[in-house]
PDB file of N, CA and C in Angstrom:
ATOM      1  N   MET A   1       0.767  -1.124   0.042  1.00  0.00           N
ATOM      2  CA  MET A   1      -0.038   0.273  -0.287  1.00  0.00           C
ATOM      3  C   MET A   1       1.052   1.369  -0.155  1.00  0.00           C
ATOM      4  N   ALA A   2       0.814   2.458  -0.700  1.00  0.00           N
ATOM      5  CA  ALA A   2       1.151   3.200  -0.751  1.00  0.00           C
ATOM      6  C   ALA A   2       0.651   4.954  -0.079  1.00  0.00           C
ATOM      7  N   LEU A   3       1.521   5.500   0.825  1.00  0.00           N
ATOM      8  CA  LEU A   3       0.996   6.645   1.526  1.00  0.00           C
ATOM      9  C   LEU A   3       1.252   8.377   0.921  1.00  0.00           C
ATOM     10  N   PRO A   4       0.372   8.858   0.544  1.00  0.00           N
ATOM     11  CA  PRO A   4       0.963  10.309  -0.372  1.00  0.00           C
ATOM     12  C   PRO A   4       1.727  10.875   1.169  1.00  0.00           C
ATOM     13  N   GLN A   5       2.179  12.012   0.905  1.00  0.00           N
ATOM     14  CA  GLN A   5       2.988  12.546   1.481  1.00  0.00           C
ATOM     15  C   GLN A   5       2.899  14.246   1.840  1.00  0.00           C
ATOM     16  N   CYS A   6       2.879  15.070   2.340  1.00  0.00           N
ATOM     17  CA  CYS A   6       3.017  16.578   2.209  1.00  0.00           C
ATOM     18  C   CYS A   6       4.383  16.713   2.857  1.00  0.00           C
ATOM     19  N   LEU A   7       5.213  17.577   1.903  1.00  0.00           N
ATOM     20  CA  LEU A   7       6.683  17.754   1.921  1.00  0.00           C
ATOM     21  C   LEU A   7       7.062  19.147   2.733  1.00  0.00           C
ATOM     22  N   PRO A   8       7.413  19.403   4.001  1.00  0.00           N
ATOM     23  CA  PRO A   8       7.307  21.092   4.686  1.00  0.00           C
ATOM     24  C   PRO A   8       8.095  21.453   3.665  1.00  0.00           C
ATOM     25  N   THR A   9       6.893  22.332   2.441  1.00  0.00           N
ATOM     26  CA  THR A   9       7.933  23.586   1.860  1.00  0.00           C
ATOM     27  C   THR A   9       6.794  24.576   2.335  1.00  0.00           C
ATOM     28  N   GLU A  10       7.359  25.833   1.715  1.00  0.00           N
ATOM     29  CA  GLU A  10       7.039  26.912   2.203  1.00  0.00           C
ATOM     30  C   GLU A  10       5.280  26.915   1.757  1.00  0.00           C
ATOM     31  N   ASN A  11       5.204  26.119   0.672  1.00  0.00           N
ATOM     32  CA  ASN A  11       3.732  26.215   0.091  1.00  0.00           C
ATOM     33  C   ASN A  11       2.683  25.264   1.284  1.00  0.00           C
ATOM     34  N   CYS A  12       3.731  24.731   2.485  1.00  0.00           N
ATOM     35  CA  CYS A  12       2.405  24.051   3.408  1.00  0.00           C
ATOM     36  C   CYS A  12       1.628  25.618   4.174  1.00  0.00           C
ATOM     37  N   PHE A  13       2.304  26.882   4.341  1.00  0.00           N
ATOM     38  CA  PHE A  13       2.304  27.696   5.319  1.00  0.00           C
ATOM     39  C   PHE A  13       1.089  28.654   4.769  1.00  0.00           C
ATOM     40  N   ILE A  14       1.081  28.771   3.337  1.00  0.00           N
ATOM     41  CA  ILE A  14       0.004  29.684   2.748  1.00  0.00           C
ATOM     42  C   ILE A  14      -1.327  29.024   2.321  1.00  0.00           C
ATOM     43  N   ARG A  15      -2.364  30.019   2.868  1.00  0.00           N
ATOM     44  CA  ARG A  15      -3.673  29.338   2.987  1.00  0.00           C
ATOM     45  C   ARG A  15      -4.135  30.243   1.427  1.00  0.00           C
ATOM     46  N   MET A  16      -5.062  29.547   0.520  1.00  0.00           N
ATOM     47  CA  MET A  16      -5.715  29.861  -0.451  1.00  0.00           C
ATOM     48  C   MET A  16      -6.722  31.058   0.113  1.00  0.00           C
ATOM     49  N   LYS A  17      -6.729  32.354  -0.354  1.00  0.00           N
ATOM     50  CA  LYS A  17      -7.650  33.388  -0.212  1.00  0.00           C
ATOM     51  C   LYS A  17      -8.885  32.992  -0.727  1.00  0.00           C
ATOM     52  N   LYS A  18      -9.829  32.942   0.224  1.00  0.00           N
ATOM     53  CA  LYS A  18     -11.425  32.996   0.068  1.00  0.00           C
ATOM     54  C   LYS A  18     -11.891  33.646  -1.277  1.00  0.00           C
ATOM     55  N   ASP A  19     -11.395  34.751  -1.217  1.00  0.00           N
ATOM     56  CA  ASP A  19     -11.951  35.683  -2.569  1.00  0.00           C
ATOM     57  C   ASP A  19     -11.052  35.532  -4.099  1.00  0.00           C
ATOM     58  N   ASN A  20     -10.446  34.746  -3.988  1.00  0.00           N
ATOM     59  CA  ASN A  20      -9.449  34.436  -5.196  1.00  0.00           C
ATOM     60  C   ASN A  20      -9.269  32.550  -5.067  1.00  0.00           C
ATOM     61  N   PRO A  21     -10.591  31.765  -5.221  1.00  0.00           N
ATOM     62  CA  PRO A  21     -10.393  30.293  -5.110  1.00  0.00           C
ATOM     63  C   PRO A  21     -10.174  29.859  -6.384  1.00  0.00           C
ATOM     64  N   ILE A  22      -9.604  28.689  -7.146  1.00  0.00           N
ATOM     65  CA  ILE A  22      -8.780  28.257  -7.599  1.00  0.00           C
ATOM     66  C   ILE A  22     -10.391  27.162  -8.474  1.00  0.00           C
ATOM     67  N   THR A  23      -9.962  27.790 -10.045  1.00  0.00           N
ATOM     68  CA  THR A  23     -11.472  27.346 -10.849  1.00  0.00           C
ATOM     69  C   THR A  23     -11.421  26.011 -10.965  1.00  0.00           C
ATOM     70  N   VAL A  24     -12.517  25.251 -11.966  1.00  0.00           N
ATOM     71  CA  VAL A  24     -12.409  24.116 -11.881  1.00  0.00           C
ATOM     72  C   VAL A  24     -11.643  23.954 -13.102  1.00  0.00           C
ATOM     73  N   ASN A  25     -11.426  24.727 -13.893  1.00  0.00           N
ATOM     74  CA  ASN A  25     -10.013  24.835 -15.050  1.00  0.00           C
ATOM     75  C   ASN A  25      -8.569  24.837 -14.665  1.00  0.00           C
ATOM     76  N   GLU A  26      -8.616  25.225 -13.809  1.00  0.00           N
ATOM     77  CA  GLU A  26      -7.322  25.440 -13.095  1.00  0.00           C
ATOM     78  C   GLU A  26      -7.025  23.941 -12.470  1.00  0.00           C
ATOM     79  N   ARG A  27      -8.226  23.634 -11.699  1.00  0.00           N
ATOM     80  CA  ARG A  27      -7.590  21.882 -10.973  1.00  0.00           C
ATOM     81  C   ARG A  27      -7.302  21.278 -11.716  1.00  0.00           C
ATOM     82  N   ILE A  28      -8.262  21.049 -13.239  1.00  0.00           N
ATOM     83  CA  ILE A  28      -7.643  20.231 -14.342  1.00  0.00           C
ATOM     84  C   ILE A  28      -6.499  20.624 -14.949  1.00  0.00           C
ATOM     85  N   ASP A  29      -5.994  21.624 -14.903  1.00  0.00           N
ATOM     86  CA  ASP A  29      -4.548  21.963 -15.814  1.00  0.00           C
ATOM     87  C   ASP A  29      -3.631  21.326 -14.860  1.00  0.00           C
ATOM     88  N   LEU A  30      -3.756  21.572 -13.427  1.00  0.00           N
ATOM     89  CA  LEU A  30      -2.579  21.171 -12.989  1.00  0.00           C
ATOM     90  C   LEU A  30      -2.840  19.941 -12.448  1.00  0.00           C
ATOM     91  N   ALA A  31      -4.268  19.302 -12.317  1.00  0.00           N
ATOM     92  CA  ALA A  31      -4.180  17.694 -12.318  1.00  0.00           C
ATOM     93  C   ALA A  31      -3.304  16.683 -13.371  1.00  0.00           C
ATOM     94  N   CYS A  32      -3.205  17.712 -14.388  1.00  0.00           N
ATOM     95  CA  CYS A  32      -2.798  17.059 -15.574  1.00  0.00           C
ATOM     96  C   CYS A  32      -1.693  17.317 -16.366  1.00  0.00           C
ATOM     97  N   LYS A  33      -0.653  18.409 -15.343  1.00  0.00           N
ATOM     98  CA  LYS A  33       0.612  18.585 -15.520  1.00  0.00           C
ATOM     99  C   LYS A  33       1.464  17.430 -16.066  1.00  0.00           C
ATOM    100  N   THR A  34       2.337  17.259 -16.640  1.00  0.00           N
ATOM    101  CA  THR A  34       3.401  16.182 -16.776  1.00  0.00           C
ATOM    102  C   THR A  34       4.135  15.995 -15.558  1.00  0.00           C
ATOM    103  N   GLY A  35       4.347  14.612 -15.239  1.00  0.00           N
ATOM    104  CA  GLY A  35       5.092  14.321 -13.947  1.00  0.00           C
ATOM    105  C   GLY A  35       4.002  13.685 -13.068  1.00  0.00           C
ATOM    106  N   VAL A  36       2.133  14.402 -12.855  1.00  0.00           N
ATOM    107  CA  VAL A  36       1.181  13.924 -12.082  1.00  0.00           C
ATOM    108  C   VAL A  36       0.994  12.406 -12.203  1.00  0.00           C
ATOM    109  N   ASP A  37       1.575  12.060 -11.625  1.00  0.00           N
ATOM    110  CA  ASP A  37       1.267  10.099 -11.083  1.00  0.00           C
ATOM    111  C   ASP A  37       0.145   9.852 -11.382  1.00  0.00           C
ATOM    112  N   TYR A  38      -0.967  10.578 -10.296  1.00  0.00           N
ATOM    113  CA  TYR A  38      -2.038   9.956  -9.648  1.00  0.00           C
ATOM    114  C   TYR A  38      -3.278  11.001  -9.482  1.00  0.00           C
ATOM    115  N   VAL A  39      -4.914  11.055 -10.250  1.00  0.00           N
ATOM    116  CA  VAL A  39      -5.734  12.068  -9.418  1.00  0.00           C
ATOM    117  C   VAL A  39      -6.687  11.177  -8.761  1.00  0.00           C
ATOM    118  N   TYR A  40      -7.398  11.505  -7.774  1.00  0.00           N
ATOM    119  CA  TYR A  40      -8.422  10.774  -6.873  1.00  0.00           C
ATOM    120  C   TYR A  40      -8.916  12.049  -6.488  1.00  0.00           C
ATOM    121  N   LYS A  41     -10.399  11.532  -6.679  1.00  0.00           N
ATOM    122  CA  LYS A  41     -11.444  12.284  -5.324  1.00  0.00           C
ATOM    123  C   LYS A  41     -11.507  11.393  -4.622  1.00  0.00           C
ATOM    124  N   VAL A  42     -11.070  12.075  -3.354  1.00  0.00           N
ATOM    125  CA  VAL A  42     -11.385  10.959  -1.732  1.00  0.00           C
ATOM    126  C   VAL A  42     -12.367  11.789  -1.061  1.00  0.00           C
ATOM    127  N   LYS A  43     -12.833  10.787   0.251  1.00  0.00           N
ATOM    128  CA  LYS A  43     -13.448  11.630   1.243  1.00  0.00           C
ATOM    129  C   LYS A  43     -12.573  11.588   2.214  1.00  0.00           C
ATOM    130  N   VAL A  44     -12.438  12.572   3.425  1.00  0.00           N
ATOM    131  CA  VAL A  44     -11.692  12.310   4.912  1.00  0.00           C
ATOM    132  C   VAL A  44     -12.337  11.384   5.467  1.00  0.00           C
ATOM    133  N   VAL A  45     -11.938  10.276   6.237  1.00  0.00           N
ATOM    134  CA  VAL A  45     -13.250   9.163   6.599  1.00  0.00           C
ATOM    135  C   VAL A  45     -12.546   9.644   8.389  1.00  0.00           C
ATOM    136  N   ALA A  46     -11.290  10.158   8.277  1.00  0.00           N
ATOM    137  CA  ALA A  46     -10.561   9.861   9.552  1.00  0.00           C
ATOM    138  C   ALA A  46      -9.584  10.648   9.924  1.00  0.00           C
ATOM    139  N   THR A  47      -9.393  11.336  10.939  1.00  0.00           N
ATOM    140  CA  THR A  47      -7.388  11.915  11.017  1.00  0.00           C
ATOM    141  C   THR A  47      -7.248  11.531  12.314  1.00  0.00           C
ATOM    142  N   GLU A  48      -5.367  11.067  12.343  1.00  0.00           N
ATOM    143  CA  GLU A  48      -4.842  10.545  13.652  1.00  0.00           C
ATOM    144  C   GLU A  48      -3.923  11.806  13.422  1.00  0.00           C
ATOM    145  N   GLU A  49      -3.918  12.579  14.656  1.00  0.00           N
ATOM    146  CA  GLU A  49      -2.880  13.795  14.708  1.00  0.00           C
ATOM    147  C   GLU A  49      -1.993  13.411  16.027  1.00  0.00           C
ATOM    148  N   THR A  50      -0.261  13.714  15.815  1.00  0.00           N
ATOM    149  CA  THR A  50       0.391  13.215  16.634  1.00  0.00           C
ATOM    150  C   THR A  50       1.426  14.233  16.720  1.00  0.00           C
ATOM    151  N   PRO A  51       2.383  14.407  17.499  1.00  0.00           N
ATOM    152  CA  PRO A  51       3.166  15.278  17.920  1.00  0.00           C
ATOM    153  C   PRO A  51       3.750  15.864  16.809  1.00  0.00           C
ATOM    154  N   SER A  52       4.284  14.546  15.573  1.00  0.00           N
ATOM    155  CA  SER A  52       5.506  14.941  14.722  1.00  0.00           C
ATOM    156  C   SER A  52       4.647  15.349  13.426  1.00  0.00           C
ATOM    157  N   HIS A  53       3.207  14.724  13.386  1.00  0.00           N
ATOM    158  CA  HIS A  53       2.404  14.661  11.710  1.00  0.00           C
ATOM    159  C   HIS A  53       0.774  14.195  11.873  1.00  0.00           C
ATOM    160  N   ASP A  54       0.360  14.354  11.013  1.00  0.00           N
ATOM    161  CA  ASP A  54      -0.918  13.841  10.926  1.00  0.00           C
ATOM    162  C   ASP A  54      -1.522  13.301   9.388  1.00  0.00           C
ATOM    163  N   ASN A  55      -2.254  12.156  10.016  1.00  0.00           N
ATOM    164  CA  ASN A  55      -2.866  11.029   9.631  1.00  0.00           C
ATOM    165  C   ASN A  55      -4.067  11.042   8.533  1.00  0.00           C
ATOM    166  N   TYR A  56      -3.965  11.658   7.425  1.00  0.00           N
ATOM    167  CA  TYR A  56      -5.461  11.556   7.168  1.00  0.00           C
ATOM    168  C   TYR A  56      -5.871  10.597   6.405  1.00  0.00           C
ATOM    169  N   ILE A  57      -6.795   9.671   6.740  1.00  0.00           N
ATOM    170  CA  ILE A  57      -7.583   8.457   6.259  1.00  0.00           C
ATOM    171  C   ILE A  57      -8.466   8.657   5.292  1.00  0.00           C
ATOM    172  N   MET A  58      -8.250   8.533   3.947  1.00  0.00           N
ATOM    173  CA  MET A  58      -9.422   8.898   3.146  1.00  0.00           C
ATOM    174  C   MET A  58      -9.840   7.852   2.361  1.00  0.00           C
ATOM    175  N   SER A  59     -10.928   7.828   2.312  1.00  0.00           N
ATOM    176  CA  SER A  59     -11.561   6.736   1.381  1.00  0.00           C
ATOM    177  C   SER A  59     -11.549   6.972  -0.640  1.00  0.00           C
ATOM    178  N   ILE A  60     -11.082   6.209  -1.368  1.00  0.00           N
ATOM    179  CA  ILE A  60     -11.085   6.778  -2.782  1.00  0.00           C
ATOM    180  C   ILE A  60     -12.419   6.777  -3.674  1.00  0.00           C
ATOM    181  N   LEU A  61     -12.885   7.712  -3.549  1.00  0.00           N
ATOM    182  CA  LEU A  61     -13.808   7.439  -4.184  1.00  0.00           C
ATOM    183  C   LEU A  61     -14.519   6.865  -6.075  1.00  0.00           C
ATOM    184  N   THR A  62     -13.035   7.856  -6.824  1.00  0.00           N
ATOM    185  CA  THR A  62     -13.269   7.739  -8.150  1.00  0.00           C
ATOM    186  C   THR A  62     -11.827   8.524  -8.603  1.00  0.00           C
ATOM    187  N   VAL A  63     -11.511   7.067  -9.396  1.00  0.00           N
ATOM    188  CA  VAL A  63      -9.982   7.075  -9.745  1.00  0.00           C
ATOM    189  C   VAL A  63      -9.665   7.937 -10.881  1.00  0.00           C
ATOM    190  N   ILE A  64      -9.270   9.070 -11.221  1.00  0.00           N
ATOM    191  CA  ILE A  64      -9.188  10.283 -12.137  1.00  0.00           C
ATOM    192  C   ILE A  64      -8.409   9.973 -13.327  1.00  0.00           C
ATOM    193  N   LYS A  65      -7.594   9.634 -12.587  1.00  0.00           N
ATOM    194  CA  LYS A  65      -6.252   8.874 -13.280  1.00  0.00           C
ATOM    195  C   LYS A  65      -5.134   8.072 -12.561  1.00  0.00           C
ATOM    196  N   MET A  66      -5.397   6.604 -12.906  1.00  0.00           N
ATOM    197  CA  MET A  66      -4.886   5.682 -12.254  1.00  0.00           C
ATOM    198  C   MET A  66      -3.303   5.971 -12.450  1.00  0.00           C
ATOM    199  N   GLY A  67      -2.245   5.830 -11.220  1.00  0.00           N
ATOM    200  CA  GLY A  67      -0.875   5.498 -11.064  1.00  0.00           C
ATOM    201  C   GLY A  67      -0.246   4.336 -10.954  1.00  0.00           C
ATOM    202  N   THR A  68       0.468   4.454  -9.972  1.00  0.00           N
ATOM    203  CA  THR A  68       1.235   3.273  -9.770  1.00  0.00           C
ATOM    204  C   THR A  68       1.030   2.389  -8.725  1.00  0.00           C
ATOM    205  N   ASP A  69      -0.232   3.096  -8.109  1.00  0.00           N
ATOM    206  CA  ASP A  69      -0.815   2.326  -6.854  1.00  0.00           C
ATOM    207  C   ASP A  69      -1.597   1.336  -7.150  1.00  0.00           C
ATOM    208  N   GLU A  70      -1.989   0.024  -6.906  1.00  0.00           N
ATOM    209  CA  GLU A  70      -2.594  -1.255  -7.266  1.00  0.00           C
ATOM    210  C   GLU A  70      -3.668  -1.422  -6.688  1.00  0.00           C
ATOM    211  N   ASN A  71      -4.987  -0.723  -7.632  1.00  0.00           N
ATOM    212  CA  ASN A  71      -6.592  -0.874  -7.270  1.00  0.00           C
ATOM    213  C   ASN A  71      -6.858  -0.123  -6.310  1.00  0.00           C
ATOM    214  N   PRO A  72      -6.522   1.178  -6.444  1.00  0.00           N
ATOM    215  CA  PRO A  72      -7.117   2.056  -5.194  1.00  0.00           C
ATOM    216  C   PRO A  72      -8.657   2.123  -5.046  1.00  0.00           C
ATOM    217  N   GLY A  73      -9.099   2.089  -6.403  1.00  0.00           N
ATOM    218  CA  GLY A  73     -10.546   2.433  -6.032  1.00  0.00           C
ATOM    219  C   GLY A  73     -11.284   1.589  -5.066  1.00  0.00           C
ATOM    220  N   GLY A  74     -11.650   2.565  -4.388  1.00  0.00           N
ATOM    221  CA  GLY A  74     -12.784   1.969  -3.221  1.00  0.00           C
ATOM    222  C   GLY A  74     -12.744   1.469  -2.063  1.00  0.00           C
ATOM    223  N   SER A  75     -10.734   1.613  -1.971  1.00  0.00           N
ATOM    224  CA  SER A  75     -10.294   1.709  -0.904  1.00  0.00           C
ATOM    225  C   SER A  75      -9.605   2.694  -0.089  1.00  0.00           C
ATOM    226  N   ASN A  76      -9.448   2.333   0.990  1.00  0.00           N
ATOM    227  CA  ASN A  76      -8.518   3.670   1.983  1.00  0.00           C
ATOM    228  C   ASN A  76      -7.300   3.866   1.874  1.00  0.00           C
ATOM    229  N   ARG A  77      -6.787   4.837   2.060  1.00  0.00           N
ATOM    230  CA  ARG A  77      -5.614   4.868   1.650  1.00  0.00           C
ATOM    231  C   ARG A  77      -5.301   6.281   2.950  1.00  0.00           C
ATOM    232  N   THR A  78      -4.083   6.472   3.304  1.00  0.00           N
ATOM    233  CA  THR A  78      -3.419   7.731   4.055  1.00  0.00           C
ATOM    234  C   THR A  78      -2.567   8.665   3.703  1.00  0.00           C
ATOM    235  N   PHE A  79      -3.367   9.668   3.970  1.00  0.00           N
ATOM    236  CA  PHE A  79      -2.141  10.853   3.538  1.00  0.00           C
ATOM    237  C   PHE A  79      -1.320  11.198   4.840  1.00  0.00           C
ATOM    238  N   VAL A  80      -0.252  11.572   4.910  1.00  0.00           N
ATOM    239  CA  VAL A  80       0.770  11.860   6.033  1.00  0.00           C
ATOM    240  C   VAL A  80       1.212  13.301   5.605  1.00  0.00           C
ATOM    241  N   SER A  81       0.576  14.497   6.788  1.00  0.00           N
ATOM    242  CA  SER A  81       1.329  15.668   6.731  1.00  0.00           C
ATOM    243  C   SER A  81       1.875  15.877   7.935  1.00  0.00           C
ATOM    244  N   HIS A  82       2.768  17.049   7.482  1.00  0.00           N
ATOM    245  CA  HIS A  82       3.751  17.198   8.773  1.00  0.00           C
ATOM    246  C   HIS A  82       2.417  18.105   9.163  1.00  0.00           C
ATOM    247  N   LYS A  83       2.761  17.890  10.838  1.00  0.00           N
ATOM    248  CA  LYS A  83       1.981  18.718  12.014  1.00  0.00           C
ATOM    249  C   LYS A  83       1.816  20.457  11.398  1.00  0.00           C
ATOM    250  N   GLN A  84       2.745  20.844  10.872  1.00  0.00           N
ATOM    251  CA  GLN A  84       2.933  22.251  10.704  1.00  0.00           C
ATOM    252  C   GLN A  84       1.725  22.695   9.375  1.00  0.00           C
ATOM    253  N   CYS A  85       1.711  21.705   8.751  1.00  0.00           N
ATOM    254  CA  CYS A  85       0.682  22.089   7.317  1.00  0.00           C
ATOM    255  C   CYS A  85      -0.979  21.720   7.833  1.00  0.00           C
ATOM    256  N   ARG A  86      -0.767  21.551   9.184  1.00  0.00           N
ATOM    257  CA  ARG A  86      -2.596  21.368   9.440  1.00  0.00           C
ATOM    258  C   ARG A  86      -3.461  22.427   8.925  1.00  0.00           C
ATOM    259  N   ASP A  87      -3.254  23.466   9.666  1.00  0.00           N
ATOM    260  CA  ASP A  87      -3.658  25.110   9.623  1.00  0.00           C
ATOM    261  C   ASP A  87      -4.142  25.121   8.034  1.00  0.00           C
ATOM    262  N   ALA A  88      -2.952  25.432   7.324  1.00  0.00           N
ATOM    263  CA  ALA A  88      -2.904  25.080   5.313  1.00  0.00           C
ATOM    264  C   ALA A  88      -3.850  24.471   4.743  1.00  0.00           C
ATOM    265  N   LEU A  89      -3.519  23.281   5.438  1.00  0.00           N
ATOM    266  CA  LEU A  89      -4.465  22.024   4.526  1.00  0.00           C
ATOM    267  C   LEU A  89      -5.390  21.920   4.902  1.00  0.00           C
ATOM    268  N   SER A  90      -6.182  22.385   6.053  1.00  0.00           N
ATOM    269  CA  SER A  90      -7.431  22.597   6.832  1.00  0.00           C
ATOM    270  C   SER A  90      -8.408  21.378   6.085  1.00  0.00           C
ATOM    271  N   LEU A  91      -8.337  20.343   6.193  1.00  0.00           N
ATOM    272  CA  LEU A  91      -9.340  19.067   5.464  1.00  0.00           C
ATOM    273  C   LEU A  91      -9.706  18.486   6.721  1.00  0.00           C
ATOM    274  N   GLN A  92     -10.951  18.282   6.148  1.00  0.00           N
ATOM    275  CA  GLN A  92     -12.445  18.019   7.209  1.00  0.00           C
ATOM    276  C   GLN A  92     -12.668  16.935   7.342  1.00  0.00           C
ATOM    277  N   LYS A  93     -12.829  16.194   7.954  1.00  0.00           N
ATOM    278  CA  LYS A  93     -13.153  14.739   7.628  1.00  0.00           C
ATOM    279  C   LYS A  93     -14.775  15.023   7.327  1.00  0.00           C
ATOM    280  N   GLY A  94     -15.248  14.047   6.393  1.00  0.00           N
ATOM    281  CA  GLY A  94     -16.418  13.996   5.754  1.00  0.00           C
ATOM    282  C   GLY A  94     -16.534  14.909   4.284  1.00  0.00           C
ATOM    283  N   GLN A  95     -15.447  15.182   4.056  1.00  0.00           N
ATOM    284  CA  GLN A  95     -15.522  16.353   3.020  1.00  0.00           C
ATOM    285  C   GLN A  95     -14.941  15.875   2.048  1.00  0.00           C
ATOM    286  N   ASP A  96     -14.796  16.141   1.196  1.00  0.00           N
ATOM    287  CA  ASP A  96     -14.348  15.309  -0.637  1.00  0.00           C
ATOM    288  C   ASP A  96     -13.207  16.348  -0.995  1.00  0.00           C
ATOM    289  N   TYR A  97     -12.265  16.215  -1.511  1.00  0.00           N
ATOM    290  CA  TYR A  97     -11.287  16.415  -2.062  1.00  0.00           C
ATOM    291  C   TYR A  97     -10.339  16.128  -3.336  1.00  0.00           C
ATOM    292  N   LEU A  98      -9.978  16.493  -3.904  1.00  0.00           N
ATOM    293  CA  LEU A  98      -9.269  15.941  -5.621  1.00  0.00           C
ATOM    294  C   LEU A  98      -7.980  16.294  -4.796  1.00  0.00           C
ATOM    295  N   VAL A  99      -7.161  14.805  -5.182  1.00  0.00           N
ATOM    296  CA  VAL A  99      -6.074  14.513  -4.287  1.00  0.00           C
ATOM    297  C   VAL A  99      -5.100  14.375  -5.732  1.00  0.00           C
ATOM    298  N   TRP A 100      -3.874  14.927  -5.928  1.00  0.00           N
ATOM    299  CA  TRP A 100      -3.004  14.425  -6.918  1.00  0.00           C
ATOM    300  C   TRP A 100      -1.435  14.253  -6.246  1.00  0.00           C
ATOM    301  N   GLY A 101      -1.040  13.789  -7.308  1.00  0.00           N
ATOM    302  CA  GLY A 101       0.760  13.572  -6.333  1.00  0.00           C
ATOM    303  C   GLY A 101       1.740  12.841  -7.890  1.00  0.00           C
ATOM    304  N   LEU A 102       2.833  12.501  -7.249  1.00  0.00           N
ATOM    305  CA  LEU A 102       3.762  12.029  -7.862  1.00  0.00           C
ATOM    306  C   LEU A 102       3.961  11.342  -7.272  1.00  0.00           C
ATOM    307  N   ALA A 103       4.619   9.547  -7.859  1.00  0.00           N
ATOM    308  CA  ALA A 103       5.126   8.641  -7.512  1.00  0.00           C
ATOM    309  C   ALA A 103       5.851   8.711  -6.604  1.00  0.00           C
ATOM    310  N   SER A 104       6.562   9.685  -6.483  1.00  0.00           N
ATOM    311  CA  SER A 104       7.647   9.525  -5.189  1.00  0.00           C
ATOM    312  C   SER A 104       7.653   9.910  -4.291  1.00  0.00           C
ATOM    313  N   ASP A 105       6.388  10.650  -4.290  1.00  0.00           N
ATOM    314  CA  ASP A 105       5.457  11.118  -2.630  1.00  0.00           C
ATOM    315  C   ASP A 105       5.153  10.016  -2.262  1.00  0.00           C
ATOM    316  N   LEU A 106       5.025   8.933  -2.676  1.00  0.00           N
ATOM    317  CA  LEU A 106       4.393   7.662  -2.299  1.00  0.00           C
ATOM    318  C   LEU A 106       5.327   6.729  -1.482  1.00  0.00           C
ATOM    319  N   TRP A 107       4.647   6.562   0.138  1.00  0.00           N
ATOM    320  CA  TRP A 107       5.880   5.321   0.829  1.00  0.00           C
ATOM    321  C   TRP A 107       4.513   4.242   0.373  1.00  0.00           C
ATOM    322  N   VAL A 108       6.340   3.358  -0.079  1.00  0.00           N
ATOM    323  CA  VAL A 108       5.303   2.005   0.265  1.00  0.00           C
ATOM    324  C   VAL A 108       5.408   1.253   1.844  1.00  0.00           C
ATOM    325  N   THR A 109       4.251   0.933   2.274  1.00  0.00           N
ATOM    326  CA  THR A 109       3.846   0.129   3.839  1.00  0.00           C
ATOM    327  C   THR A 109       3.418  -1.005   3.479  1.00  0.00           C
ATOM    328  N   GLY A 110       3.601  -2.147   4.565  1.00  0.00           N
ATOM    329  CA  GLY A 110       2.831  -3.179   4.536  1.00  0.00           C
ATOM    330  C   GLY A 110       1.768  -3.319   5.169  1.00  0.00           C
ATOM    331  N   SER A 111       1.293  -2.811   5.826  1.00  0.00           N
ATOM    332  CA  SER A 111      -0.146  -2.832   6.855  1.00  0.00           C
ATOM    333  C   SER A 111      -1.112  -1.439   6.163  1.00  0.00           C
ATOM    334  N   ARG A 112      -0.777  -0.146   6.076  1.00  0.00           N
ATOM    335  CA  ARG A 112      -1.701   0.869   5.898  1.00  0.00           C
ATOM    336  C   ARG A 112      -1.326   1.349   4.679  1.00  0.00           C
TER     337      ARG A 112
END
């Protein structure tokens, strides 16, 4: 199983301004960029906060772009983020999100 991760860059600390939301077309353009390995529509089903990082357990609702992760549709994956990114991400349990990433961002684990 693979776990996407959020790297602690300056982008973790920048929140999107509500008065300038990203458009659907901009999301599509970003998700379809060269190098993007996977694109999923997910629902956050649980969160686990630790002193160093947060785990967001997400149910994959729709596979928009299949990556190297085997059979992700309908299963849960854990998104790992540094605790410093918590406020910037502002992910909420029960909400749907569009997530995408690179194969190099995935950690292969045996249990989750």
